[in-house]
Protein backbone atom coordinates (compact mmCIF):
# COMPACT_ATOMS: atom_id res chain seq x y z
CA UNK A 1 0.00 0.00 0.00
CA UNK A 2 1.29 3.42 -0.95
CA UNK A 3 1.47 5.94 1.87
CA UNK A 4 1.45 9.70 2.07
CA UNK A 5 5.21 9.49 2.55
CA UNK A 6 5.64 7.53 -0.70
CA UNK A 7 3.72 10.28 -2.46
CA UNK A 8 5.93 12.95 -0.89
CA UNK A 9 9.09 11.09 -1.90
CA UNK A 10 7.73 10.62 -5.43
CA UNK A 11 7.01 14.31 -5.80
CA UNK A 12 10.31 15.46 -4.26
CA UNK A 13 12.31 14.23 -7.24
CA UNK A 14 10.66 16.96 -9.31
CA UNK A 15 12.56 19.68 -7.46
CA UNK A 16 16.24 20.48 -7.68
CA UNK A 17 18.23 20.76 -4.50
CA UNK A 18 16.09 18.28 -2.58
CA UNK A 19 18.32 15.54 -1.19
CA UNK A 20 16.20 12.38 -1.31
CA UNK A 21 18.27 10.57 1.34
CA UNK A 22 17.70 13.42 3.81
CA UNK A 23 14.00 13.56 3.01
CA UNK A 24 13.86 9.79 3.53
CA UNK A 25 15.38 10.36 6.97
CA UNK A 26 12.57 12.80 7.80
CA UNK A 27 10.00 10.29 6.51
CA UNK A 28 11.57 7.59 8.71
CA UNK A 29 11.46 9.90 11.75
CA UNK A 30 7.80 10.70 11.09
CA UNK A 31 7.03 7.00 10.81
CA UNK A 32 8.87 6.31 14.09
CA UNK A 33 6.90 9.06 15.85
CA UNK A 34 3.71 7.51 14.49
CA UNK A 35 4.71 4.15 15.90
CA UNK A 36 5.39 5.62 19.34
CA UNK A 37 2.07 7.47 19.22
CA UNK A 38 0.19 4.27 18.31
CA UNK A 39 1.90 2.38 21.14
CA UNK A 40 0.89 5.07 23.64
CA UNK A 41 -2.68 5.14 22.35
CA UNK A 42 -2.98 1.35 22.59
CA UNK A 43 -1.92 1.19 26.23
CA UNK A 44 -4.03 4.16 27.25
CA UNK A 45 -7.07 2.72 25.47
CA UNK A 46 -6.67 -0.49 27.48
CA UNK A 47 -7.20 1.68 30.58
CA UNK A 48 -9.91 3.85 28.99
CA UNK A 49 -7.79 6.94 29.58
CA UNK A 50 -7.37 9.52 26.80
CA UNK A 51 -3.92 11.05 26.44
CA UNK A 52 -4.90 14.44 27.88
CA UNK A 53 -6.26 12.81 31.02
CA UNK A 54 -3.16 10.63 31.35
CA UNK A 55 -0.87 13.64 31.06
CA UNK A 56 -2.89 15.60 33.63
CA UNK A 57 -2.64 12.70 36.11
CA UNK A 58 1.10 12.38 35.51
CA UNK A 59 1.62 16.09 36.07
CA UNK A 60 -0.40 16.09 39.28
CA UNK A 61 1.43 13.09 40.63
CA UNK A 62 4.81 14.58 39.73
CA UNK A 63 4.27 18.20 40.80
CA UNK A 64 1.53 17.88 43.44
CA UNK A 65 -1.33 20.38 43.62
CA UNK A 66 -1.64 22.56 40.52
CA UNK A 67 -3.99 25.23 39.23
CA UNK A 68 -5.90 24.24 36.08
CA UNK A 69 -4.01 26.88 34.09
CA UNK A 70 -0.68 25.38 35.20
CA UNK A 71 -1.79 21.91 34.14
CA UNK A 72 -2.89 23.30 30.77
CA UNK A 73 0.44 25.06 30.25
CA UNK A 74 2.57 22.05 31.22
CA UNK A 75 0.40 19.67 29.16
CA UNK A 76 0.31 21.92 26.10
CA UNK A 77 -3.48 22.25 26.25
CA UNK A 78 -5.74 25.27 26.11
CA UNK A 79 -7.49 26.48 29.24
CA UNK A 80 -10.83 25.47 27.76
CA UNK A 81 -9.43 22.07 26.81
CA UNK A 82 -8.17 21.41 30.31
CA UNK A 83 -11.63 22.06 31.75
CA UNK A 84 -13.15 19.07 29.94
CA UNK A 85 -10.12 16.91 30.85
CA UNK A 86 -10.50 17.79 34.52
CA UNK A 87 -14.28 17.32 34.44
CA UNK A 88 -13.79 13.80 33.08
CA UNK A 89 -11.12 12.95 35.63
CA UNK A 90 -13.25 14.29 38.48
CA UNK A 91 -16.25 12.24 37.30
CA UNK A 92 -14.07 9.12 37.64
CA UNK A 93 -12.82 10.20 41.07
CA UNK A 94 -9.24 10.42 39.76
CA UNK A 95 -8.76 14.04 40.84
CA UNK A 96 -10.31 16.43 43.30
CA UNK A 97 -10.70 20.20 43.13
CA UNK A 98 -10.50 22.54 46.09
CA UNK A 99 -10.25 26.29 46.55
CA UNK A 100 -6.89 27.85 47.26
CA UNK A 101 -6.62 29.11 50.81
CA UNK A 102 -5.42 32.59 49.84
CA UNK A 103 -7.69 33.05 46.80
CA UNK A 104 -11.12 31.44 46.97
CA UNK A 105 -11.75 32.36 43.32
CA UNK A 106 -9.02 29.99 42.20
CA UNK A 107 -8.98 26.18 42.26
CA UNK A 108 -6.21 23.73 43.01
CA UNK A 109 -6.30 20.21 41.60
CA UNK A 110 -4.94 17.12 43.35
CA UNK A 111 -4.70 13.52 42.23
CA UNK A 112 -6.81 11.18 44.37
CA UNK A 113 -5.75 7.83 45.75
CA UNK A 114 -7.86 6.23 43.00
CA UNK A 115 -5.97 8.27 40.38
CA UNK A 116 -2.63 7.32 41.88
CA UNK A 117 -3.59 3.64 41.94
CA UNK A 118 -4.61 3.84 38.28
CA UNK A 119 -1.19 5.24 37.39
CA UNK A 120 0.48 2.49 39.43
CA UNK A 121 -1.38 -0.08 37.36
CA UNK A 122 -1.02 1.65 33.99
CA UNK A 123 2.58 2.92 34.02
CA UNK A 124 4.40 -0.44 34.04
CA UNK A 125 2.41 -1.52 30.95
CA UNK A 126 2.90 1.86 29.29
CA UNK A 127 6.64 2.05 29.91
CA UNK A 128 7.24 -1.59 28.94
CA UNK A 129 5.38 -1.03 25.67
CA UNK A 130 7.45 2.05 24.90
CA UNK A 131 10.73 0.36 25.75
CA UNK A 132 9.78 -2.60 23.57
CA UNK A 133 10.08 -0.25 20.59
CA UNK A 134 13.83 -0.05 21.22
CA UNK A 135 14.35 -3.74 22.03
CA UNK A 136 16.45 -4.28 18.87
CA UNK A 137 18.91 -1.56 19.90
CA UNK A 138 22.11 -2.30 21.77
CA UNK A 139 23.62 0.30 24.12
CA UNK A 140 25.75 1.79 21.33
CA UNK A 141 22.67 2.18 19.10
CA UNK A 142 20.84 3.98 21.91
CA UNK A 143 23.74 6.37 22.51
CA UNK A 144 24.18 7.06 18.79
CA UNK A 145 20.50 7.71 18.20
CA UNK A 146 20.27 9.90 21.29
CA UNK A 147 23.27 11.94 20.10
CA UNK A 148 21.76 12.40 16.63
CA UNK A 149 18.33 13.32 17.96
CA UNK A 150 19.92 15.83 20.33
CA UNK A 151 21.58 17.45 17.33
CA UNK A 152 18.29 17.52 15.45
CA UNK A 153 16.47 19.12 18.39
CA UNK A 154 19.21 21.60 19.39
CA UNK A 155 17.80 24.53 17.41
C-alpha atoms as a PDB file:
ATOM      1  CA  UNK A   1       0.000   0.000   0.000  1.00  0.00           C
ATOM      2  CA  UNK A   2       1.294   3.425  -0.949  1.00  0.00           C
ATOM      3  CA  UNK A   3       1.469   5.937   1.869  1.00  0.00           C
ATOM      4  CA  UNK A   4       1.447   9.704   2.073  1.00  0.00           C
ATOM      5  CA  UNK A   5       5.206   9.493   2.546  1.00  0.00           C
ATOM      6  CA  UNK A   6       5.636   7.529  -0.695  1.00  0.00           C
ATOM      7  CA  UNK A   7       3.717  10.277  -2.462  1.00  0.00           C
ATOM      8  CA  UNK A   8       5.934  12.947  -0.894  1.00  0.00           C
ATOM      9  CA  UNK A   9       9.094  11.091  -1.904  1.00  0.00           C
ATOM     10  CA  UNK A  10       7.731  10.616  -5.428  1.00  0.00           C
ATOM     11  CA  UNK A  11       7.008  14.309  -5.797  1.00  0.00           C
ATOM     12  CA  UNK A  12      10.306  15.461  -4.259  1.00  0.00           C
ATOM     13  CA  UNK A  13      12.313  14.235  -7.239  1.00  0.00           C
ATOM     14  CA  UNK A  14      10.657  16.963  -9.307  1.00  0.00           C
ATOM     15  CA  UNK A  15      12.555  19.681  -7.457  1.00  0.00           C
ATOM     16  CA  UNK A  16      16.241  20.480  -7.680  1.00  0.00           C
ATOM     17  CA  UNK A  17      18.227  20.756  -4.499  1.00  0.00           C
ATOM     18  CA  UNK A  18      16.088  18.277  -2.575  1.00  0.00           C
ATOM     19  CA  UNK A  19      18.325  15.542  -1.192  1.00  0.00           C
ATOM     20  CA  UNK A  20      16.199  12.379  -1.305  1.00  0.00           C
ATOM     21  CA  UNK A  21      18.265  10.571   1.335  1.00  0.00           C
ATOM     22  CA  UNK A  22      17.701  13.419   3.807  1.00  0.00           C
ATOM     23  CA  UNK A  23      14.001  13.562   3.006  1.00  0.00           C
ATOM     24  CA  UNK A  24      13.863   9.787   3.527  1.00  0.00           C
ATOM     25  CA  UNK A  25      15.376  10.365   6.972  1.00  0.00           C
ATOM     26  CA  UNK A  26      12.565  12.804   7.801  1.00  0.00           C
ATOM     27  CA  UNK A  27      10.002  10.287   6.515  1.00  0.00           C
ATOM     28  CA  UNK A  28      11.573   7.595   8.714  1.00  0.00           C
ATOM     29  CA  UNK A  29      11.463   9.901  11.747  1.00  0.00           C
ATOM     30  CA  UNK A  30       7.796  10.703  11.095  1.00  0.00           C
ATOM     31  CA  UNK A  31       7.034   6.999  10.809  1.00  0.00           C
ATOM     32  CA  UNK A  32       8.868   6.314  14.086  1.00  0.00           C
ATOM     33  CA  UNK A  33       6.902   9.059  15.850  1.00  0.00           C
ATOM     34  CA  UNK A  34       3.706   7.510  14.495  1.00  0.00           C
ATOM     35  CA  UNK A  35       4.715   4.150  15.896  1.00  0.00           C
ATOM     36  CA  UNK A  36       5.392   5.623  19.341  1.00  0.00           C
ATOM     37  CA  UNK A  37       2.067   7.470  19.223  1.00  0.00           C
ATOM     38  CA  UNK A  38       0.190   4.272  18.315  1.00  0.00           C
ATOM     39  CA  UNK A  39       1.896   2.377  21.136  1.00  0.00           C
ATOM     40  CA  UNK A  40       0.894   5.070  23.638  1.00  0.00           C
ATOM     41  CA  UNK A  41      -2.677   5.136  22.355  1.00  0.00           C
ATOM     42  CA  UNK A  42      -2.982   1.346  22.591  1.00  0.00           C
ATOM     43  CA  UNK A  43      -1.916   1.190  26.227  1.00  0.00           C
ATOM     44  CA  UNK A  44      -4.032   4.161  27.253  1.00  0.00           C
ATOM     45  CA  UNK A  45      -7.070   2.716  25.471  1.00  0.00           C
ATOM     46  CA  UNK A  46      -6.674  -0.487  27.484  1.00  0.00           C
ATOM     47  CA  UNK A  47      -7.199   1.677  30.577  1.00  0.00           C
ATOM     48  CA  UNK A  48      -9.906   3.853  28.993  1.00  0.00           C
ATOM     49  CA  UNK A  49      -7.793   6.936  29.576  1.00  0.00           C
ATOM     50  CA  UNK A  50      -7.373   9.521  26.800  1.00  0.00           C
ATOM     51  CA  UNK A  51      -3.923  11.045  26.438  1.00  0.00           C
ATOM     52  CA  UNK A  52      -4.897  14.441  27.881  1.00  0.00           C
ATOM     53  CA  UNK A  53      -6.256  12.814  31.021  1.00  0.00           C
ATOM     54  CA  UNK A  54      -3.160  10.631  31.349  1.00  0.00           C
ATOM     55  CA  UNK A  55      -0.868  13.643  31.056  1.00  0.00           C
ATOM     56  CA  UNK A  56      -2.889  15.595  33.628  1.00  0.00           C
ATOM     57  CA  UNK A  57      -2.645  12.700  36.110  1.00  0.00           C
ATOM     58  CA  UNK A  58       1.103  12.378  35.509  1.00  0.00           C
ATOM     59  CA  UNK A  59       1.624  16.093  36.072  1.00  0.00           C
ATOM     60  CA  UNK A  60      -0.405  16.089  39.277  1.00  0.00           C
ATOM     61  CA  UNK A  61       1.435  13.085  40.635  1.00  0.00           C
ATOM     62  CA  UNK A  62       4.810  14.578  39.730  1.00  0.00           C
ATOM     63  CA  UNK A  63       4.270  18.203  40.803  1.00  0.00           C
ATOM     64  CA  UNK A  64       1.534  17.880  43.439  1.00  0.00           C
ATOM     65  CA  UNK A  65      -1.330  20.384  43.619  1.00  0.00           C
ATOM     66  CA  UNK A  66      -1.644  22.564  40.521  1.00  0.00           C
ATOM     67  CA  UNK A  67      -3.994  25.230  39.229  1.00  0.00           C
ATOM     68  CA  UNK A  68      -5.899  24.237  36.078  1.00  0.00           C
ATOM     69  CA  UNK A  69      -4.009  26.882  34.094  1.00  0.00           C
ATOM     70  CA  UNK A  70      -0.676  25.382  35.199  1.00  0.00           C
ATOM     71  CA  UNK A  71      -1.792  21.905  34.143  1.00  0.00           C
ATOM     72  CA  UNK A  72      -2.888  23.300  30.774  1.00  0.00           C
ATOM     73  CA  UNK A  73       0.443  25.057  30.251  1.00  0.00           C
ATOM     74  CA  UNK A  74       2.565  22.052  31.221  1.00  0.00           C
ATOM     75  CA  UNK A  75       0.399  19.672  29.160  1.00  0.00           C
ATOM     76  CA  UNK A  76       0.310  21.915  26.099  1.00  0.00           C
ATOM     77  CA  UNK A  77      -3.477  22.247  26.252  1.00  0.00           C
ATOM     78  CA  UNK A  78      -5.739  25.272  26.106  1.00  0.00           C
ATOM     79  CA  UNK A  79      -7.495  26.475  29.238  1.00  0.00           C
ATOM     80  CA  UNK A  80     -10.830  25.475  27.763  1.00  0.00           C
ATOM     81  CA  UNK A  81      -9.426  22.071  26.812  1.00  0.00           C
ATOM     82  CA  UNK A  82      -8.168  21.405  30.308  1.00  0.00           C
ATOM     83  CA  UNK A  83     -11.633  22.065  31.751  1.00  0.00           C
ATOM     84  CA  UNK A  84     -13.145  19.071  29.943  1.00  0.00           C
ATOM     85  CA  UNK A  85     -10.123  16.912  30.845  1.00  0.00           C
ATOM     86  CA  UNK A  86     -10.505  17.793  34.523  1.00  0.00           C
ATOM     87  CA  UNK A  87     -14.284  17.317  34.439  1.00  0.00           C
ATOM     88  CA  UNK A  88     -13.793  13.795  33.076  1.00  0.00           C
ATOM     89  CA  UNK A  89     -11.118  12.949  35.634  1.00  0.00           C
ATOM     90  CA  UNK A  90     -13.246  14.290  38.479  1.00  0.00           C
ATOM     91  CA  UNK A  91     -16.250  12.243  37.302  1.00  0.00           C
ATOM     92  CA  UNK A  92     -14.074   9.123  37.637  1.00  0.00           C
ATOM     93  CA  UNK A  93     -12.816  10.205  41.073  1.00  0.00           C
ATOM     94  CA  UNK A  94      -9.237  10.415  39.757  1.00  0.00           C
ATOM     95  CA  UNK A  95      -8.758  14.039  40.838  1.00  0.00           C
ATOM     96  CA  UNK A  96     -10.314  16.430  43.298  1.00  0.00           C
ATOM     97  CA  UNK A  97     -10.698  20.205  43.130  1.00  0.00           C
ATOM     98  CA  UNK A  98     -10.498  22.536  46.088  1.00  0.00           C
ATOM     99  CA  UNK A  99     -10.249  26.288  46.547  1.00  0.00           C
ATOM    100  CA  UNK A 100      -6.893  27.845  47.256  1.00  0.00           C
ATOM    101  CA  UNK A 101      -6.616  29.109  50.813  1.00  0.00           C
ATOM    102  CA  UNK A 102      -5.418  32.587  49.843  1.00  0.00           C
ATOM    103  CA  UNK A 103      -7.691  33.051  46.799  1.00  0.00           C
ATOM    104  CA  UNK A 104     -11.125  31.445  46.974  1.00  0.00           C
ATOM    105  CA  UNK A 105     -11.752  32.364  43.316  1.00  0.00           C
ATOM    106  CA  UNK A 106      -9.020  29.988  42.197  1.00  0.00           C
ATOM    107  CA  UNK A 107      -8.980  26.179  42.264  1.00  0.00           C
ATOM    108  CA  UNK A 108      -6.214  23.729  43.012  1.00  0.00           C
ATOM    109  CA  UNK A 109      -6.299  20.215  41.604  1.00  0.00           C
ATOM    110  CA  UNK A 110      -4.937  17.118  43.346  1.00  0.00           C
ATOM    111  CA  UNK A 111      -4.700  13.523  42.233  1.00  0.00           C
ATOM    112  CA  UNK A 112      -6.805  11.184  44.373  1.00  0.00           C
ATOM    113  CA  UNK A 113      -5.749   7.829  45.750  1.00  0.00           C
ATOM    114  CA  UNK A 114      -7.856   6.229  42.996  1.00  0.00           C
ATOM    115  CA  UNK A 115      -5.970   8.272  40.378  1.00  0.00           C
ATOM    116  CA  UNK A 116      -2.632   7.325  41.875  1.00  0.00           C
ATOM    117  CA  UNK A 117      -3.592   3.639  41.944  1.00  0.00           C
ATOM    118  CA  UNK A 118      -4.614   3.836  38.279  1.00  0.00           C
ATOM    119  CA  UNK A 119      -1.194   5.240  37.386  1.00  0.00           C
ATOM    120  CA  UNK A 120       0.477   2.492  39.433  1.00  0.00           C
ATOM    121  CA  UNK A 121      -1.382  -0.080  37.359  1.00  0.00           C
ATOM    122  CA  UNK A 122      -1.015   1.649  33.994  1.00  0.00           C
ATOM    123  CA  UNK A 123       2.578   2.922  34.017  1.00  0.00           C
ATOM    124  CA  UNK A 124       4.402  -0.441  34.042  1.00  0.00           C
ATOM    125  CA  UNK A 125       2.408  -1.516  30.949  1.00  0.00           C
ATOM    126  CA  UNK A 126       2.901   1.859  29.290  1.00  0.00           C
ATOM    127  CA  UNK A 127       6.639   2.049  29.912  1.00  0.00           C
ATOM    128  CA  UNK A 128       7.238  -1.588  28.941  1.00  0.00           C
ATOM    129  CA  UNK A 129       5.381  -1.028  25.674  1.00  0.00           C
ATOM    130  CA  UNK A 130       7.449   2.051  24.898  1.00  0.00           C
ATOM    131  CA  UNK A 131      10.733   0.362  25.752  1.00  0.00           C
ATOM    132  CA  UNK A 132       9.784  -2.603  23.572  1.00  0.00           C
ATOM    133  CA  UNK A 133      10.075  -0.251  20.592  1.00  0.00           C
ATOM    134  CA  UNK A 134      13.826  -0.053  21.217  1.00  0.00           C
ATOM    135  CA  UNK A 135      14.355  -3.743  22.029  1.00  0.00           C
ATOM    136  CA  UNK A 136      16.448  -4.280  18.874  1.00  0.00           C
ATOM    137  CA  UNK A 137      18.911  -1.559  19.898  1.00  0.00           C
ATOM    138  CA  UNK A 138      22.105  -2.298  21.770  1.00  0.00           C
ATOM    139  CA  UNK A 139      23.622   0.305  24.118  1.00  0.00           C
ATOM    140  CA  UNK A 140      25.752   1.787  21.330  1.00  0.00           C
ATOM    141  CA  UNK A 141      22.672   2.182  19.101  1.00  0.00           C
ATOM    142  CA  UNK A 142      20.843   3.975  21.906  1.00  0.00           C
ATOM    143  CA  UNK A 143      23.741   6.365  22.509  1.00  0.00           C
ATOM    144  CA  UNK A 144      24.176   7.065  18.789  1.00  0.00           C
ATOM    145  CA  UNK A 145      20.496   7.715  18.197  1.00  0.00           C
ATOM    146  CA  UNK A 146      20.274   9.904  21.290  1.00  0.00           C
ATOM    147  CA  UNK A 147      23.268  11.939  20.103  1.00  0.00           C
ATOM    148  CA  UNK A 148      21.762  12.396  16.630  1.00  0.00           C
ATOM    149  CA  UNK A 149      18.326  13.321  17.957  1.00  0.00           C
ATOM    150  CA  UNK A 150      19.915  15.828  20.332  1.00  0.00           C
ATOM    151  CA  UNK A 151      21.584  17.448  17.327  1.00  0.00           C
ATOM    152  CA  UNK A 152      18.292  17.525  15.446  1.00  0.00           C
ATOM    153  CA  UNK A 153      16.468  19.119  18.393  1.00  0.00           C
ATOM    154  CA  UNK A 154      19.208  21.601  19.389  1.00  0.00           C
ATOM    155  CA  UNK A 155      17.796  24.526  17.409  1.00  0.00           C
END
